[in-house]
PDB file of N, CA and C in Angstrom:
ATOM      1  N   MET A   1       4.045   3.208   7.134  1.00  0.00           N
ATOM      2  CA  MET A   1       4.314   4.609   7.339  1.00  0.00           C
ATOM      3  C   MET A   1       3.189   5.402   6.693  1.00  0.00           C
ATOM      4  N   ASP A   2       2.728   6.455   7.358  1.00  0.00           N
ATOM      5  CA  ASP A   2       1.661   7.298   6.843  1.00  0.00           C
ATOM      6  C   ASP A   2       2.181   8.705   6.577  1.00  0.00           C
ATOM      7  N   ALA A   3       1.562   9.358   5.610  1.00  0.00           N
ATOM      8  CA  ALA A   3       1.875  10.746   5.303  1.00  0.00           C
ATOM      9  C   ALA A   3       0.553  11.471   5.062  1.00  0.00           C
ATOM     10  N   ASN A   4       0.487  12.728   5.415  1.00  0.00           N
ATOM     11  CA  ASN A   4      -0.764  13.466   5.275  1.00  0.00           C
ATOM     12  C   ASN A   4      -0.709  14.624   4.302  1.00  0.00           C
ATOM     13  N   ARG A   5       0.446  14.951   3.781  1.00  0.00           N
ATOM     14  CA  ARG A   5       0.530  16.080   2.867  1.00  0.00           C
ATOM     15  C   ARG A   5       1.203  15.668   1.589  1.00  0.00           C
ATOM     16  N   PRO A   6       0.766  16.062   0.442  1.00  0.00           N
ATOM     17  CA  PRO A   6      -0.386  16.931   0.220  1.00  0.00           C
ATOM     18  C   PRO A   6      -1.712  16.197   0.374  1.00  0.00           C
ATOM     19  N   LYS A   7      -1.753  14.895   0.155  1.00  0.00           N
ATOM     20  CA  LYS A   7      -2.963  14.102   0.378  1.00  0.00           C
ATOM     21  C   LYS A   7      -2.588  12.899   1.231  1.00  0.00           C
ATOM     22  N   PRO A   8      -3.501  12.461   2.093  1.00  0.00           N
ATOM     23  CA  PRO A   8      -3.195  11.295   2.929  1.00  0.00           C
ATOM     24  C   PRO A   8      -2.854  10.064   2.097  1.00  0.00           C
ATOM     25  N   ARG A   9      -1.860   9.315   2.557  1.00  0.00           N
ATOM     26  CA  ARG A   9      -1.440   8.112   1.863  1.00  0.00           C
ATOM     27  C   ARG A   9      -0.649   7.241   2.834  1.00  0.00           C
ATOM     28  N   ALA A  10      -0.479   5.996   2.463  1.00  0.00           N
ATOM     29  CA  ALA A  10       0.293   5.069   3.287  1.00  0.00           C
ATOM     30  C   ALA A  10       1.325   4.389   2.398  1.00  0.00           C
ATOM     31  N   TYR A  11       2.479   4.106   2.975  1.00  0.00           N
ATOM     32  CA  TYR A  11       3.569   3.443   2.278  1.00  0.00           C
ATOM     33  C   TYR A  11       3.855   2.102   2.926  1.00  0.00           C
ATOM     34  N   LEU A  12       4.287   1.160   2.121  1.00  0.00           N
ATOM     35  CA  LEU A  12       4.759  -0.116   2.633  1.00  0.00           C
ATOM     36  C   LEU A  12       6.212  -0.244   2.212  1.00  0.00           C
ATOM     37  N   GLN A  13       7.090  -0.410   3.203  1.00  0.00           N
ATOM     38  CA  GLN A  13       8.511  -0.545   2.944  1.00  0.00           C
ATOM     39  C   GLN A  13       8.992  -1.898   3.446  1.00  0.00           C
ATOM     40  N   GLY A  14      10.059  -2.370   2.863  1.00  0.00           N
ATOM     41  CA  GLY A  14      10.645  -3.622   3.303  1.00  0.00           C
ATOM     42  C   GLY A  14      12.077  -3.703   2.835  1.00  0.00           C
ATOM     43  N   CYS A  15      12.750  -4.774   3.239  1.00  0.00           N
ATOM     44  CA  CYS A  15      14.131  -4.962   2.799  1.00  0.00           C
ATOM     45  C   CYS A  15      14.348  -6.438   2.491  1.00  0.00           C
ATOM     46  N   TYR A  16      15.341  -6.691   1.664  1.00  0.00           N
ATOM     47  CA  TYR A  16      15.690  -8.059   1.331  1.00  0.00           C
ATOM     48  C   TYR A  16      16.326  -8.738   2.531  1.00  0.00           C
ATOM     49  N   GLU A  17      16.181 -10.025   2.612  1.00  0.00           N
ATOM     50  CA  GLU A  17      16.762 -10.778   3.721  1.00  0.00           C
ATOM     51  C   GLU A  17      18.269 -10.539   3.754  1.00  0.00           C
ATOM     52  N   GLY A  18      18.774 -10.193   4.914  1.00  0.00           N
ATOM     53  CA  GLY A  18      20.198  -9.947   5.072  1.00  0.00           C
ATOM     54  C   GLY A  18      20.587  -8.500   4.845  1.00  0.00           C
ATOM     55  N   GLU A  19      19.662  -7.658   4.366  1.00  0.00           N
ATOM     56  CA  GLU A  19      19.943  -6.235   4.161  1.00  0.00           C
ATOM     57  C   GLU A  19      19.258  -5.423   5.248  1.00  0.00           C
ATOM     58  N   SER A  20      19.746  -4.229   5.475  1.00  0.00           N
ATOM     59  CA  SER A  20      19.129  -3.371   6.468  1.00  0.00           C
ATOM     60  C   SER A  20      18.488  -2.133   5.847  1.00  0.00           C
ATOM     61  N   LYS A  21      18.809  -1.834   4.579  1.00  0.00           N
ATOM     62  CA  LYS A  21      18.259  -0.661   3.922  1.00  0.00           C
ATOM     63  C   LYS A  21      16.830  -0.957   3.435  1.00  0.00           C
ATOM     64  N   LYS A  22      15.874  -0.154   3.915  1.00  0.00           N
ATOM     65  CA  LYS A  22      14.491  -0.331   3.508  1.00  0.00           C
ATOM     66  C   LYS A  22      14.270   0.259   2.119  1.00  0.00           C
ATOM     67  N   ARG A  23      13.371  -0.393   1.382  1.00  0.00           N
ATOM     68  CA  ARG A  23      13.011   0.071   0.040  1.00  0.00           C
ATOM     69  C   ARG A  23      11.495   0.134  -0.052  1.00  0.00           C
ATOM     70  N   LEU A  24      11.008   1.034  -0.885  1.00  0.00           N
ATOM     71  CA  LEU A  24       9.575   1.189  -1.090  1.00  0.00           C
ATOM     72  C   LEU A  24       9.014  -0.019  -1.828  1.00  0.00           C
ATOM     73  N   ILE A  25       7.964  -0.610  -1.274  1.00  0.00           N
ATOM     74  CA  ILE A  25       7.272  -1.701  -1.951  1.00  0.00           C
ATOM     75  C   ILE A  25       6.087  -1.122  -2.715  1.00  0.00           C
ATOM     76  N   CYS A  26       5.228  -0.365  -2.021  1.00  0.00           N
ATOM     77  CA  CYS A  26       4.121   0.293  -2.714  1.00  0.00           C
ATOM     78  C   CYS A  26       3.572   1.438  -1.872  1.00  0.00           C
ATOM     79  N   GLU A  27       2.785   2.272  -2.530  1.00  0.00           N
ATOM     80  CA  GLU A  27       2.144   3.425  -1.924  1.00  0.00           C
ATOM     81  C   GLU A  27       0.676   3.379  -2.319  1.00  0.00           C
ATOM     82  N   VAL A  28      -0.194   3.729  -1.388  1.00  0.00           N
ATOM     83  CA  VAL A  28      -1.624   3.820  -1.682  1.00  0.00           C
ATOM     84  C   VAL A  28      -2.108   5.150  -1.111  1.00  0.00           C
ATOM     85  N   SER A  29      -2.702   5.977  -1.961  1.00  0.00           N
ATOM     86  CA  SER A  29      -3.175   7.288  -1.512  1.00  0.00           C
ATOM     87  C   SER A  29      -4.692   7.298  -1.392  1.00  0.00           C
ATOM     88  N   VAL A  30      -5.184   8.314  -0.726  1.00  0.00           N
ATOM     89  CA  VAL A  30      -6.620   8.464  -0.524  1.00  0.00           C
ATOM     90  C   VAL A  30      -7.344   8.678  -1.852  1.00  0.00           C
ATOM     91  N   THR A  31      -6.652   9.160  -2.868  1.00  0.00           N
ATOM     92  CA  THR A  31      -7.302   9.328  -4.171  1.00  0.00           C
ATOM     93  C   THR A  31      -7.539   7.988  -4.850  1.00  0.00           C
ATOM     94  N   ARG A  32      -6.765   6.975  -4.496  1.00  0.00           N
ATOM     95  CA  ARG A  32      -6.983   5.617  -5.029  1.00  0.00           C
ATOM     96  C   ARG A  32      -8.135   4.931  -4.321  1.00  0.00           C
ATOM     97  N   THR A  33      -8.156   5.061  -2.983  1.00  0.00           N
ATOM     98  CA  THR A  33      -9.205   4.477  -2.160  1.00  0.00           C
ATOM     99  C   THR A  33      -9.203   5.143  -0.796  1.00  0.00           C
ATOM    100  N   THR A  34     -10.383   5.402  -0.274  1.00  0.00           N
ATOM    101  CA  THR A  34     -10.456   5.996   1.063  1.00  0.00           C
ATOM    102  C   THR A  34     -10.052   4.981   2.127  1.00  0.00           C
ATOM    103  N   GLN A  35      -9.968   3.720   1.756  1.00  0.00           N
ATOM    104  CA  GLN A  35      -9.551   2.658   2.671  1.00  0.00           C
ATOM    105  C   GLN A  35      -8.077   2.308   2.447  1.00  0.00           C
ATOM    106  N   TYR A  36      -7.265   3.315   2.157  1.00  0.00           N
ATOM    107  CA  TYR A  36      -5.862   3.108   1.806  1.00  0.00           C
ATOM    108  C   TYR A  36      -5.070   2.403   2.910  1.00  0.00           C
ATOM    109  N   LYS A  37      -5.371   2.688   4.175  1.00  0.00           N
ATOM    110  CA  LYS A  37      -4.645   2.032   5.270  1.00  0.00           C
ATOM    111  C   LYS A  37      -4.986   0.539   5.324  1.00  0.00           C
ATOM    112  N   LYS A  38      -6.237   0.210   5.083  1.00  0.00           N
ATOM    113  CA  LYS A  38      -6.661  -1.189   5.066  1.00  0.00           C
ATOM    114  C   LYS A  38      -5.986  -1.933   3.927  1.00  0.00           C
ATOM    115  N   VAL A  39      -5.920  -1.303   2.753  1.00  0.00           N
ATOM    116  CA  VAL A  39      -5.285  -1.924   1.592  1.00  0.00           C
ATOM    117  C   VAL A  39      -3.816  -2.196   1.874  1.00  0.00           C
ATOM    118  N   VAL A  40      -3.096  -1.248   2.449  1.00  0.00           N
ATOM    119  CA  VAL A  40      -1.678  -1.437   2.763  1.00  0.00           C
ATOM    120  C   VAL A  40      -1.506  -2.534   3.807  1.00  0.00           C
ATOM    121  N   GLN A  41      -2.396  -2.595   4.779  1.00  0.00           N
ATOM    122  CA  GLN A  41      -2.312  -3.637   5.807  1.00  0.00           C
ATOM    123  C   GLN A  41      -2.494  -5.021   5.189  1.00  0.00           C
ATOM    124  N   ILE A  42      -3.437  -5.169   4.267  1.00  0.00           N
ATOM    125  CA  ILE A  42      -3.658  -6.457   3.593  1.00  0.00           C
ATOM    126  C   ILE A  42      -2.429  -6.849   2.786  1.00  0.00           C
ATOM    127  N   ILE A  43      -1.850  -5.893   2.070  1.00  0.00           N
ATOM    128  CA  ILE A  43      -0.645  -6.172   1.278  1.00  0.00           C
ATOM    129  C   ILE A  43       0.500  -6.583   2.198  1.00  0.00           C
ATOM    130  N   LYS A  44       0.655  -5.887   3.317  1.00  0.00           N
ATOM    131  CA  LYS A  44       1.711  -6.220   4.284  1.00  0.00           C
ATOM    132  C   LYS A  44       1.553  -7.646   4.792  1.00  0.00           C
ATOM    133  N   GLU A  45       0.342  -8.023   5.156  1.00  0.00           N
ATOM    134  CA  GLU A  45       0.090  -9.376   5.648  1.00  0.00           C
ATOM    135  C   GLU A  45       0.417 -10.426   4.586  1.00  0.00           C
ATOM    136  N   GLN A  46       0.028 -10.152   3.337  1.00  0.00           N
ATOM    137  CA  GLN A  46       0.304 -11.090   2.251  1.00  0.00           C
ATOM    138  C   GLN A  46       1.808 -11.201   1.979  1.00  0.00           C
ATOM    139  N   CYS A  47       2.517 -10.079   2.062  1.00  0.00           N
ATOM    140  CA  CYS A  47       3.975 -10.103   1.870  1.00  0.00           C
ATOM    141  C   CYS A  47       4.642 -10.959   2.949  1.00  0.00           C
ATOM    142  N   GLU A  48       4.187 -10.809   4.181  1.00  0.00           N
ATOM    143  CA  GLU A  48       4.776 -11.572   5.281  1.00  0.00           C
ATOM    144  C   GLU A  48       4.438 -13.059   5.176  1.00  0.00           C
ATOM    145  N   GLN A  49       3.203 -13.384   4.789  1.00  0.00           N
ATOM    146  CA  GLN A  49       2.776 -14.779   4.724  1.00  0.00           C
ATOM    147  C   GLN A  49       3.299 -15.507   3.497  1.00  0.00           C
ATOM    148  N   LYS A  50       3.247 -14.835   2.337  1.00  0.00           N
ATOM    149  CA  LYS A  50       3.557 -15.503   1.077  1.00  0.00           C
ATOM    150  C   LYS A  50       4.879 -15.065   0.455  1.00  0.00           C
ATOM    151  N   GLY A  51       5.522 -14.061   1.032  1.00  0.00           N
ATOM    152  CA  GLY A  51       6.786 -13.591   0.474  1.00  0.00           C
ATOM    153  C   GLY A  51       6.622 -13.003  -0.919  1.00  0.00           C
ATOM    154  N   LEU A  52       5.615 -12.131  -1.090  1.00  0.00           N
ATOM    155  CA  LEU A  52       5.347 -11.540  -2.403  1.00  0.00           C
ATOM    156  C   LEU A  52       6.525 -10.708  -2.903  1.00  0.00           C
ATOM    157  N   THR A  53       6.699 -10.687  -4.214  1.00  0.00           N
ATOM    158  CA  THR A  53       7.671  -9.782  -4.825  1.00  0.00           C
ATOM    159  C   THR A  53       7.040  -8.398  -4.910  1.00  0.00           C
ATOM    160  N   LYS A  54       7.845  -7.409  -5.247  1.00  0.00           N
ATOM    161  CA  LYS A  54       7.314  -6.057  -5.395  1.00  0.00           C
ATOM    162  C   LYS A  54       6.244  -6.036  -6.481  1.00  0.00           C
ATOM    163  N   GLN A  55       6.496  -6.704  -7.595  1.00  0.00           N
ATOM    164  CA  GLN A  55       5.526  -6.726  -8.694  1.00  0.00           C
ATOM    165  C   GLN A  55       4.213  -7.372  -8.258  1.00  0.00           C
ATOM    166  N   GLU A  56       4.289  -8.452  -7.513  1.00  0.00           N
ATOM    167  CA  GLU A  56       3.080  -9.115  -7.016  1.00  0.00           C
ATOM    168  C   GLU A  56       2.334  -8.210  -6.034  1.00  0.00           C
ATOM    169  N   ALA A  57       3.063  -7.459  -5.214  1.00  0.00           N
ATOM    170  CA  ALA A  57       2.442  -6.527  -4.279  1.00  0.00           C
ATOM    171  C   ALA A  57       1.724  -5.409  -5.033  1.00  0.00           C
ATOM    172  N   LEU A  58       2.331  -4.918  -6.114  1.00  0.00           N
ATOM    173  CA  LEU A  58       1.700  -3.870  -6.914  1.00  0.00           C
ATOM    174  C   LEU A  58       0.444  -4.381  -7.609  1.00  0.00           C
ATOM    175  N   GLU A  59       0.479  -5.614  -8.086  1.00  0.00           N
ATOM    176  CA  GLU A  59      -0.700  -6.212  -8.710  1.00  0.00           C
ATOM    177  C   GLU A  59      -1.813  -6.398  -7.680  1.00  0.00           C
ATOM    178  N   LEU A  60      -1.458  -6.811  -6.476  1.00  0.00           N
ATOM    179  CA  LEU A  60      -2.435  -6.959  -5.407  1.00  0.00           C
ATOM    180  C   LEU A  60      -3.031  -5.599  -5.056  1.00  0.00           C
ATOM    181  N   ARG A  61      -2.214  -4.562  -5.043  1.00  0.00           N
ATOM    182  CA  ARG A  61      -2.706  -3.201  -4.776  1.00  0.00           C
ATOM    183  C   ARG A  61      -3.785  -2.816  -5.774  1.00  0.00           C
ATOM    184  N   GLU A  62      -3.542  -3.084  -7.053  1.00  0.00           N
ATOM    185  CA  GLU A  62      -4.528  -2.750  -8.084  1.00  0.00           C
ATOM    186  C   GLU A  62      -5.843  -3.486  -7.841  1.00  0.00           C
ATOM    187  N   THR A  63      -5.742  -4.766  -7.526  1.00  0.00           N
ATOM    188  CA  THR A  63      -6.932  -5.578  -7.266  1.00  0.00           C
ATOM    189  C   THR A  63      -7.695  -5.051  -6.057  1.00  0.00           C
ATOM    190  N   LEU A  64      -6.976  -4.751  -4.985  1.00  0.00           N
ATOM    191  CA  LEU A  64      -7.621  -4.278  -3.761  1.00  0.00           C
ATOM    192  C   LEU A  64      -8.223  -2.885  -3.924  1.00  0.00           C
ATOM    193  N   CYS A  65      -7.572  -2.014  -4.686  1.00  0.00           N
ATOM    194  CA  CYS A  65      -8.124  -0.673  -4.909  1.00  0.00           C
ATOM    195  C   CYS A  65      -9.412  -0.748  -5.715  1.00  0.00           C
ATOM    196  N   GLU A  66      -9.516  -1.704  -6.615  1.00  0.00           N
ATOM    197  CA  GLU A  66     -10.760  -1.897  -7.358  1.00  0.00           C
ATOM    198  C   GLU A  66     -11.836  -2.469  -6.444  1.00  0.00           C
ATOM    199  N   LYS A  67     -11.442  -3.353  -5.543  1.00  0.00           N
ATOM    200  CA  LYS A  67     -12.376  -3.994  -4.613  1.00  0.00           C
ATOM    201  C   LYS A  67     -12.864  -3.021  -3.542  1.00  0.00           C
ATOM    202  N   HIS A  68     -12.011  -2.092  -3.131  1.00  0.00           N
ATOM    203  CA  HIS A  68     -12.337  -1.105  -2.089  1.00  0.00           C
ATOM    204  C   HIS A  68     -12.237   0.307  -2.681  1.00  0.00           C
ATOM    205  N   PRO A  69     -13.154   0.670  -3.581  1.00  0.00           N
ATOM    206  CA  PRO A  69     -13.052   1.990  -4.208  1.00  0.00           C
ATOM    207  C   PRO A  69     -13.364   3.118  -3.220  1.00  0.00           C
ATOM    208  N   SER A  70     -13.012   4.319  -3.622  1.00  0.00           N
ATOM    209  CA  SER A  70     -13.291   5.495  -2.787  1.00  0.00           C
ATOM    210  C   SER A  70     -14.797   5.693  -2.722  1.00  0.00           C
ATOM    211  N   ALA A  71     -15.292   5.962  -1.527  1.00  0.00           N
ATOM    212  CA  ALA A  71     -16.713   6.175  -1.332  1.00  0.00           C
ATOM    213  C   ALA A  71     -17.133   7.524  -1.910  1.00  0.00           C
ATOM    214  N   GLN A  72     -16.210   8.464  -1.900  1.00  0.00           N
ATOM    215  CA  GLN A  72     -16.483   9.792  -2.421  1.00  0.00           C
ATOM    216  C   GLN A  72     -15.169  10.442  -2.827  1.00  0.00           C
ATOM    217  N   GLU A  73     -15.265  11.483  -3.588  1.00  0.00           N
ATOM    218  CA  GLU A  73     -14.086  12.226  -4.009  1.00  0.00           C
ATOM    219  C   GLU A  73     -13.459  12.890  -2.793  1.00  0.00           C
ATOM    220  N   PHE A  74     -12.131  12.820  -2.673  1.00  0.00           N
ATOM    221  CA  PHE A  74     -11.428  13.424  -1.546  1.00  0.00           C
ATOM    222  C   PHE A  74     -11.211  14.909  -1.813  1.00  0.00           C
ATOM    223  N   HIS A  75     -11.566  15.752  -0.834  1.00  0.00           N
ATOM    224  CA  HIS A  75     -11.333  17.190  -0.913  1.00  0.00           C
ATOM    225  C   HIS A  75     -10.636  17.624   0.371  1.00  0.00           C
ATOM    226  N   PRO A  76      -9.371  18.037   0.266  1.00  0.00           N
ATOM    227  CA  PRO A  76      -8.626  18.434   1.473  1.00  0.00           C
ATOM    228  C   PRO A  76      -9.179  19.675   2.116  1.00  0.00           C
TER     229      PRO A  76
END
């Protein structure tokens, strides 16, 4: 899911097996990295392949944001 206000960002949501209520796994905003959509996509793929926990997804987010830093400061 994407949001554009106040700053662009992407969310990754999921639910436990057997549940239907979605819960927030992580959020990545443009202030963290201008490649925020790519970072969320990588986390999503890893969650589906390896069954990451929320904590593991958050740790992966930190690693990926360091690997894909913002090219420039975001100014709306």
